Amino acid sequence: MATNACETDFCNKGWSDVLTHMSPYGFASFGVAFGLGLSIVGAAWGIWLTGSSLVGAAVKAPRIRSKNLISVIFCEATAIYGVIMAIILTNKIKEPEENAYYLADNWDFNGYYYAGYGMFSAGLSVGLTNVASGVSVGIAGSSCAIGDAQDASLFVKILIVEIFASALGIFGIIVGIIQSNACTFPIAALE
């Protein structure tokens, strides 16, 4: 058995090598994937929390089925925020004018990596805030369904809390848009 299997220049010696040698296009694509994927996870988690309580509470009070679907709609909005951010980020990814294996020496490498890292952080920010938003809307929606089954006057009061929980997702997409505004992939070498 070899003691050191990684002895060439083409071998990654650890995570720092992997992350520093990864293409900015890869980081940008991961940002799109995390923004969209985590937003859908947050929406699904919230719908699961709300839906299970809604179905259970509807056994006692069938009248709550239709008006408590607003909780499911709020959860679904978090997935829509992720789709919107994925479209924004995908439209910012531009390929160079000249297709070559290596970029020119006078290429704007700082702008190139800044765009990739910025899009990654924007997507991750949106995805994580939408997970938090989906879970908090789901918990508030679950409480709304159970509370409404007991006392109909609680519906509007708990719905206000649900609206504030849904605002987390809106704040996340605003932060993601602000983060991605400065991210522009260079398409040509500097002059």
Protein backbone atom coordinates (compact mmCIF):
# COMPACT_ATOMS: atom_id res chain seq x y z
CA MET A 1 0.00 0.00 0.00
CA ALA A 2 1.37 3.41 -0.98
CA THR A 3 2.06 5.86 1.83
CA ASN A 4 1.34 8.97 -0.23
CA ALA A 5 -1.06 8.38 -3.11
CA CYS A 6 -1.17 12.05 -4.07
CA GLU A 7 2.20 12.98 -5.58
CA THR A 8 1.43 14.74 -8.88
CA ASP A 9 0.52 18.33 -9.70
CA PHE A 10 -2.90 17.13 -10.91
CA CYS A 11 -3.91 15.68 -7.56
CA ASN A 12 -5.95 17.59 -5.01
CA LYS A 13 -4.28 17.52 -1.62
CA GLY A 14 -7.37 18.56 0.32
CA TRP A 15 -10.52 20.63 0.31
CA SER A 16 -8.57 23.86 0.02
CA ASP A 17 -7.17 22.65 -3.33
CA VAL A 18 -10.59 21.57 -4.52
CA LEU A 19 -12.26 24.85 -3.63
CA THR A 20 -9.50 27.12 -4.95
CA HIS A 21 -9.21 25.26 -8.27
CA MET A 22 -12.93 25.06 -8.95
CA SER A 23 -14.27 27.13 -11.83
CA PRO A 24 -16.28 30.26 -10.98
CA TYR A 25 -18.94 28.86 -13.31
CA GLY A 26 -19.13 25.89 -10.96
CA PHE A 27 -19.62 28.16 -7.95
CA ALA A 28 -22.27 30.15 -9.81
CA SER A 29 -24.09 26.96 -10.82
CA PHE A 30 -23.96 25.67 -7.25
CA GLY A 31 -25.42 29.01 -6.12
CA VAL A 32 -28.34 28.53 -8.52
CA ALA A 33 -28.79 24.93 -7.37
CA PHE A 34 -28.66 25.76 -3.65
CA GLY A 35 -31.01 28.71 -4.05
CA LEU A 36 -33.58 26.66 -5.92
CA GLY A 37 -33.12 23.36 -4.11
CA LEU A 38 -33.15 24.67 -0.55
CA SER A 39 -36.16 26.89 -1.31
CA ILE A 40 -38.09 23.85 -2.50
CA VAL A 41 -37.00 21.92 0.60
CA GLY A 42 -38.26 24.78 2.80
CA ALA A 43 -41.58 24.88 0.95
CA ALA A 44 -42.04 21.11 1.15
CA TRP A 45 -41.18 21.05 4.84
CA GLY A 46 -43.66 23.85 5.58
CA ILE A 47 -46.39 22.18 3.53
CA TRP A 48 -45.76 18.92 5.36
CA LEU A 49 -46.04 20.62 8.75
CA THR A 50 -49.14 22.62 7.83
CA GLY A 51 -50.86 19.92 5.81
CA SER A 52 -50.61 17.20 8.41
CA SER A 53 -52.09 19.47 11.09
CA LEU A 54 -54.73 20.77 8.72
CA VAL A 55 -55.92 17.30 7.80
CA GLY A 56 -55.91 16.19 11.43
CA ALA A 57 -57.75 19.25 12.71
CA ALA A 58 -60.29 19.07 9.86
CA VAL A 59 -61.57 15.83 11.37
CA LYS A 60 -62.91 17.79 14.34
CA ALA A 61 -63.92 20.92 12.40
CA PRO A 62 -64.40 20.34 8.63
CA ARG A 63 -65.10 24.07 8.12
CA ILE A 64 -61.35 24.88 8.41
CA ARG A 65 -60.27 22.98 5.29
CA SER A 66 -60.72 25.71 2.70
CA LYS A 67 -59.70 28.85 4.60
CA ASN A 68 -56.58 27.28 6.09
CA LEU A 69 -55.21 26.48 2.63
CA ILE A 70 -53.74 30.00 2.75
CA SER A 71 -51.02 28.49 4.96
CA VAL A 72 -50.09 26.05 2.18
CA ILE A 73 -50.01 28.93 -0.32
CA PHE A 74 -47.62 30.89 1.94
CA CYS A 75 -45.35 27.85 2.09
CA GLU A 76 -45.44 27.47 -1.68
CA ALA A 77 -44.39 31.11 -2.04
CA THR A 78 -40.98 30.22 -0.60
CA ALA A 79 -40.40 27.84 -3.51
CA ILE A 80 -41.43 30.59 -5.93
CA TYR A 81 -38.86 32.92 -4.36
CA GLY A 82 -36.20 30.31 -5.09
CA VAL A 83 -37.36 29.96 -8.71
CA ILE A 84 -37.23 33.75 -9.16
CA MET A 85 -33.70 33.93 -7.75
CA ALA A 86 -32.56 30.98 -9.88
CA ILE A 87 -33.80 32.77 -13.01
CA ILE A 88 -32.01 35.99 -11.98
CA LEU A 89 -28.75 34.17 -11.26
CA THR A 90 -28.89 32.01 -14.39
CA ASN A 91 -29.29 35.10 -16.57
CA LYS A 92 -26.11 36.54 -15.05
CA ILE A 93 -23.92 33.60 -16.12
CA LYS A 94 -22.18 34.59 -19.37
CA GLU A 95 -19.60 32.59 -21.24
CA PRO A 96 -16.48 34.20 -22.73
CA GLU A 97 -16.60 35.46 -26.32
CA GLU A 98 -13.64 33.31 -27.30
CA ASN A 99 -13.88 29.62 -26.52
CA ALA A 100 -10.43 28.45 -25.47
CA TYR A 101 -9.11 25.89 -23.05
CA TYR A 102 -7.14 28.57 -21.14
CA LEU A 103 -8.10 32.18 -20.55
CA ALA A 104 -5.78 34.96 -21.74
CA ASP A 105 -3.16 36.35 -19.36
CA ASN A 106 -4.84 39.77 -19.34
CA TRP A 107 -8.18 38.29 -18.30
CA ASP A 108 -10.05 39.93 -15.39
CA PHE A 109 -9.55 37.01 -13.02
CA ASN A 110 -10.60 39.03 -9.95
CA GLY A 111 -13.94 39.93 -11.53
CA TYR A 112 -14.29 36.37 -12.79
CA TYR A 113 -13.91 34.81 -9.34
CA TYR A 114 -15.87 37.61 -7.65
CA ALA A 115 -18.86 36.86 -9.89
CA GLY A 116 -18.70 33.14 -9.15
CA TYR A 117 -18.33 33.51 -5.39
CA GLY A 118 -20.95 36.27 -5.26
CA MET A 119 -23.51 34.18 -7.11
CA PHE A 120 -22.76 31.22 -4.87
CA SER A 121 -23.32 33.30 -1.73
CA ALA A 122 -26.48 34.88 -3.17
CA GLY A 123 -27.99 31.48 -3.95
CA LEU A 124 -27.00 30.05 -0.60
CA SER A 125 -28.45 33.07 1.23
CA VAL A 126 -31.77 32.77 -0.57
CA GLY A 127 -31.92 29.00 -0.06
CA LEU A 128 -31.18 29.08 3.65
CA THR A 129 -33.59 31.94 4.39
CA ASN A 130 -36.30 30.11 2.46
CA VAL A 131 -35.74 26.96 4.50
CA ALA A 132 -36.20 29.06 7.65
CA SER A 133 -39.22 30.81 6.12
CA GLY A 134 -40.85 27.55 5.02
CA VAL A 135 -40.41 25.91 8.40
CA SER A 136 -41.66 28.95 10.33
CA VAL A 137 -44.67 29.35 8.03
CA GLY A 138 -45.34 25.64 8.42
CA ILE A 139 -45.24 25.79 12.20
CA ALA A 140 -47.44 28.91 12.25
CA GLY A 141 -49.82 27.29 9.75
CA SER A 142 -50.01 24.17 11.86
CA SER A 143 -50.86 26.26 14.91
CA CYS A 144 -53.39 28.20 12.85
CA ALA A 145 -55.20 25.04 11.76
CA ILE A 146 -55.29 23.55 15.26
CA GLY A 147 -56.26 26.86 16.87
CA ASP A 148 -58.95 27.53 14.27
CA ALA A 149 -60.45 24.11 14.88
CA GLN A 150 -60.83 25.02 18.56
CA ASP A 151 -61.84 28.68 18.25
CA ALA A 152 -62.66 30.38 14.91
CA SER A 153 -61.68 33.83 16.23
CA LEU A 154 -58.01 32.77 16.39
CA PHE A 155 -57.63 32.39 12.61
CA VAL A 156 -56.92 36.03 11.75
CA LYS A 157 -54.66 36.52 14.78
CA ILE A 158 -52.42 33.59 13.89
CA LEU A 159 -52.55 34.48 10.19
CA ILE A 160 -50.74 37.75 11.03
CA VAL A 161 -47.90 35.72 12.57
CA GLU A 162 -47.82 33.59 9.42
CA ILE A 163 -47.47 36.68 7.24
CA PHE A 164 -44.45 37.81 9.27
CA ALA A 165 -42.92 34.33 8.94
CA SER A 166 -43.43 34.49 5.18
CA ALA A 167 -41.64 37.85 5.10
CA LEU A 168 -38.39 36.02 5.95
CA GLY A 169 -38.39 34.61 2.43
CA ILE A 170 -38.96 38.05 0.91
CA PHE A 171 -36.06 39.45 2.94
CA GLY A 172 -33.90 36.58 1.72
CA ILE A 173 -34.62 37.24 -1.94
CA ILE A 174 -33.96 40.97 -1.46
CA VAL A 175 -30.58 40.20 0.11
CA GLY A 176 -29.82 37.74 -2.70
CA ILE A 177 -30.64 40.33 -5.36
CA ILE A 178 -28.43 42.89 -3.62
CA GLN A 179 -25.58 40.37 -3.38
CA SER A 180 -25.87 39.36 -7.04
CA ASN A 181 -26.13 42.90 -8.45
CA ALA A 182 -22.35 43.32 -8.56
CA CYS A 183 -21.76 39.85 -10.02
CA THR A 184 -20.93 40.21 -13.70
CA PHE A 185 -18.92 37.56 -15.50
CA PRO A 186 -16.32 39.13 -17.80
CA ILE A 187 -16.78 38.00 -21.40
CA ALA A 188 -13.55 39.40 -22.87
CA ALA A 189 -9.98 39.99 -21.77
CA LEU A 190 -8.92 43.37 -20.40
CA GLU A 191 -7.28 45.73 -22.87
